[in-house]
C-alpha atoms as a PDB file:
ATOM      1  CA  MET A   1     -52.889 193.673-160.063  1.00  0.00           C
ATOM      2  CA  SER A   2     -55.048 196.422-158.671  1.00  0.00           C
ATOM      3  CA  ALA A   3     -54.844 197.770-155.145  1.00  0.00           C
ATOM      4  CA  ASN A   4     -58.069 195.837-154.462  1.00  0.00           C
ATOM      5  CA  THR A   5     -56.596 192.491-155.552  1.00  0.00           C
ATOM      6  CA  PRO A   6     -56.601 190.226-152.499  1.00  0.00           C
ATOM      7  CA  LYS A   7     -53.455 188.613-151.281  1.00  0.00           C
ATOM      8  CA  THR A   8     -53.670 185.068-150.093  1.00  0.00           C
ATOM      9  CA  PRO A   9     -55.230 183.661-148.040  1.00  0.00           C
ATOM     10  CA  LEU A  10     -58.515 184.048-149.862  1.00  0.00           C
ATOM     11  CA  THR A  11     -61.855 183.792-148.142  1.00  0.00           C
ATOM     12  CA  PRO A  12     -63.523 180.390-148.622  1.00  0.00           C
ATOM     13  CA  ALA A  13     -66.225 182.008-150.787  1.00  0.00           C
ATOM     14  CA  VAL A  14     -63.700 183.639-153.130  1.00  0.00           C
ATOM     15  CA  LEU A  15     -61.684 180.423-153.375  1.00  0.00           C
ATOM     16  CA  HIS A  16     -64.782 178.376-154.261  1.00  0.00           C
ATOM     17  CA  ILE A  17     -65.992 180.927-156.811  1.00  0.00           C
ATOM     18  CA  LEU A  18     -62.588 181.002-158.533  1.00  0.00           C
ATOM     19  CA  LEU A  19     -62.539 177.207-158.615  1.00  0.00           C
ATOM     20  CA  ALA A  20     -66.058 177.128-160.084  1.00  0.00           C
ATOM     21  CA  LEU A  21     -65.053 179.609-162.795  1.00  0.00           C
ATOM     22  CA  SER A  22     -61.700 177.998-163.566  1.00  0.00           C
ATOM     23  CA  SER A  23     -63.240 175.564-166.045  1.00  0.00           C
ATOM     24  CA  HIS A  24     -66.244 177.466-167.476  1.00  0.00           C
ATOM     25  CA  GLU A  25     -67.956 180.822-167.488  1.00  0.00           C
ATOM     26  CA  ARG A  26     -71.041 180.628-165.310  1.00  0.00           C
ATOM     27  CA  HIS A  27     -73.935 182.766-164.103  1.00  0.00           C
ATOM     28  CA  GLY A  28     -74.595 183.272-160.389  1.00  0.00           C
ATOM     29  CA  TYR A  29     -76.928 180.334-159.903  1.00  0.00           C
ATOM     30  CA  GLY A  30     -74.550 178.143-161.910  1.00  0.00           C
ATOM     31  CA  ILE A  31     -71.689 179.185-159.629  1.00  0.00           C
ATOM     32  CA  MET A  32     -73.736 178.328-156.527  1.00  0.00           C
ATOM     33  CA  LYS A  33     -74.623 174.894-157.919  1.00  0.00           C
ATOM     34  CA  GLN A  34     -71.025 174.204-159.008  1.00  0.00           C
ATOM     35  CA  VAL A  35     -69.662 175.131-155.578  1.00  0.00           C
ATOM     36  CA  GLU A  36     -72.220 172.852-153.960  1.00  0.00           C
ATOM     37  CA  PHE A  37     -71.287 170.016-156.336  1.00  0.00           C
ATOM     38  CA  GLU A  38     -67.506 170.442-156.005  1.00  0.00           C
ATOM     39  CA  SER A  39     -67.709 170.609-152.207  1.00  0.00           C
ATOM     40  CA  ARG A  40     -69.949 167.531-152.083  1.00  0.00           C
ATOM     41  CA  LYS A  41     -72.697 169.716-150.601  1.00  0.00           C
ATOM     42  CA  LYS A  42     -70.491 170.841-147.701  1.00  0.00           C
ATOM     43  CA  VAL A  43     -70.517 174.444-148.926  1.00  0.00           C
ATOM     44  CA  LYS A  44     -73.820 176.092-149.740  1.00  0.00           C
ATOM     45  CA  MET A  45     -73.435 179.702-150.754  1.00  0.00           C
ATOM     46  CA  GLY A  46     -76.397 182.028-150.408  1.00  0.00           C
ATOM     47  CA  PRO A  47     -77.078 184.919-152.772  1.00  0.00           C
ATOM     48  CA  GLY A  48     -75.764 187.542-150.336  1.00  0.00           C
ATOM     49  CA  THR A  49     -72.397 185.853-149.943  1.00  0.00           C
ATOM     50  CA  LEU A  50     -72.182 185.036-153.641  1.00  0.00           C
ATOM     51  CA  TYR A  51     -73.008 188.467-155.036  1.00  0.00           C
ATOM     52  CA  GLY A  52     -71.100 190.338-152.329  1.00  0.00           C
ATOM     53  CA  SER A  53     -68.028 188.262-153.202  1.00  0.00           C
ATOM     54  CA  ILE A  54     -68.614 188.666-156.944  1.00  0.00           C
ATOM     55  CA  ASN A  55     -68.766 192.464-156.608  1.00  0.00           C
ATOM     56  CA  ARG A  56     -65.493 192.536-154.657  1.00  0.00           C
ATOM     57  CA  MET A  57     -63.894 190.131-157.125  1.00  0.00           C
ATOM     58  CA  LEU A  58     -64.952 192.269-160.093  1.00  0.00           C
ATOM     59  CA  LYS A  59     -63.389 195.352-158.468  1.00  0.00           C
ATOM     60  CA  ALA A  60     -60.210 193.404-157.716  1.00  0.00           C
ATOM     61  CA  GLY A  61     -59.938 192.196-161.314  1.00  0.00           C
ATOM     62  CA  LEU A  62     -60.191 188.493-160.401  1.00  0.00           C
ATOM     63  CA  ILE A  63     -63.263 187.934-162.556  1.00  0.00           C
ATOM     64  CA  ARG A  64     -65.050 189.778-165.336  1.00  0.00           C
ATOM     65  CA  GLU A  65     -68.514 189.879-166.784  1.00  0.00           C
ATOM     66  CA  SER A  66     -68.739 187.762-169.898  1.00  0.00           C
ATOM     67  CA  ASN A  67     -70.381 188.577-173.211  1.00  0.00           C
ATOM     68  CA  LYS A  68     -72.234 185.277-172.929  1.00  0.00           C
ATOM     69  CA  LYS A  69     -75.822 186.030-171.952  1.00  0.00           C
ATOM     70  CA  ILE A  70     -77.996 183.015-172.678  1.00  0.00           C
ATOM     71  CA  ASP A  71     -77.854 179.690-170.884  1.00  0.00           C
ATOM     72  CA  PRO A  72     -79.494 177.207-173.295  1.00  0.00           C
ATOM     73  CA  GLU A  73     -80.826 175.206-170.337  1.00  0.00           C
ATOM     74  CA  MET A  74     -82.336 178.260-168.650  1.00  0.00           C
ATOM     75  CA  ASN A  75     -83.114 180.355-171.757  1.00  0.00           C
ATOM     76  CA  ASP A  76     -82.918 183.582-169.771  1.00  0.00           C
ATOM     77  CA  GLU A  77     -81.163 186.559-171.377  1.00  0.00           C
ATOM     78  CA  ARG A  78     -81.036 188.451-168.068  1.00  0.00           C
ATOM     79  CA  ARG A  79     -78.448 186.146-166.527  1.00  0.00           C
ATOM     80  CA  VAL A  80     -75.013 187.685-166.214  1.00  0.00           C
ATOM     81  CA  TYR A  81     -72.142 185.301-166.819  1.00  0.00           C
ATOM     82  CA  TYR A  82     -68.766 185.646-165.168  1.00  0.00           C
ATOM     83  CA  GLY A  83     -65.349 184.416-166.209  1.00  0.00           C
ATOM     84  CA  ILE A  84     -62.033 184.225-164.430  1.00  0.00           C
ATOM     85  CA  THR A  85     -59.318 186.675-165.523  1.00  0.00           C
ATOM     86  CA  ASN A  86     -55.592 186.011-165.855  1.00  0.00           C
ATOM     87  CA  ILE A  87     -55.113 187.785-162.530  1.00  0.00           C
ATOM     88  CA  GLY A  88     -57.781 185.531-161.020  1.00  0.00           C
ATOM     89  CA  ARG A  89     -55.990 182.449-162.356  1.00  0.00           C
ATOM     90  CA  LYS A  90     -52.698 183.660-160.851  1.00  0.00           C
ATOM     91  CA  VAL A  91     -54.299 184.376-157.465  1.00  0.00           C
ATOM     92  CA  LEU A  92     -56.015 180.961-157.533  1.00  0.00           C
ATOM     93  CA  ALA A  93     -52.741 179.199-158.421  1.00  0.00           C
ATOM     94  CA  ASP A  94     -50.939 181.031-155.591  1.00  0.00           C
ATOM     95  CA  GLU A  95     -53.665 180.060-153.132  1.00  0.00           C
ATOM     96  CA  LEU A  96     -53.628 176.415-154.196  1.00  0.00           C
ATOM     97  CA  LEU A  97     -49.845 176.342-153.815  1.00  0.00           C
ATOM     98  CA  ARG A  98     -50.228 177.785-150.325  1.00  0.00           C
ATOM     99  CA  TYR A  99     -52.753 175.039-149.497  1.00  0.00           C
ATOM    100  CA  ARG A 100     -50.381 172.353-150.804  1.00  0.00           C
ATOM    101  CA  GLU A 101     -47.605 173.726-148.605  1.00  0.00           C
ATOM    102  CA  VAL A 102     -49.879 173.741-145.554  1.00  0.00           C
ATOM    103  CA  VAL A 103     -50.929 170.142-146.242  1.00  0.00           C
ATOM    104  CA  ALA A 104     -47.269 169.121-146.626  1.00  0.00           C
ATOM    105  CA  VAL A 105     -46.460 170.635-143.233  1.00  0.00           C
ATOM    106  CA  ALA A 106     -49.509 168.972-141.691  1.00  0.00           C
ATOM    107  CA  ASN A 107     -48.413 165.619-143.126  1.00  0.00           C
ATOM    108  CA  GLN A 108     -44.928 166.079-141.674  1.00  0.00           C
ATOM    109  CA  LEU A 109     -46.378 166.966-138.285  1.00  0.00           C
ATOM    110  CA  GLU A 110     -48.605 163.907-138.377  1.00  0.00           C
ATOM    111  CA  LEU A 111     -45.533 161.724-138.911  1.00  0.00           C
ATOM    112  CA  LYS A 112     -43.735 163.395-136.007  1.00  0.00           C
ATOM    113  CA  GLN A 113     -46.795 163.048-133.768  1.00  0.00           C
ATOM    114  CA  SER A 114     -47.068 159.348-134.622  1.00  0.00           C
ATOM    115  CA  ARG A 115     -43.430 158.850-133.652  1.00  0.00           C
ATOM    116  CA  PHE A 116     -43.964 160.790-130.464  1.00  0.00           C
ATOM    117  CA  VAL A 117     -47.099 158.862-129.535  1.00  0.00           C
ATOM    118  CA  TYR A 118     -45.460 155.511-130.135  1.00  0.00           C
ATOM    119  CA  GLY A 119     -42.094 156.535-128.691  1.00  0.00           C
ATOM    120  CA  ILE A 120     -40.232 156.030-131.955  1.00  0.00           C
END
């Protein structure tokens, strides 16, 4: 990993971009639409956030530019596609594990709070 590789926790934008790229290479607009879809329209990423994050992620080695240049649906050779790197996959896996651990703690606390509330 490079000195620029982020340690967890990741920013929400970086997390969503890595998730969007974990299944397919995508161009910027495709990433924005995938994030919107996967978040059920709760996260809408503007171009500034997207491309600022992409530039940092490229420097950190989390993603790379792909050789793929043409989206058959868009038919635009100018689109730059991005793919997740092995480092990006590792960072994403670490972050998702961290989230699972946080949820497990939250679930345990919820059980304790229920007992406390009901005097059990």
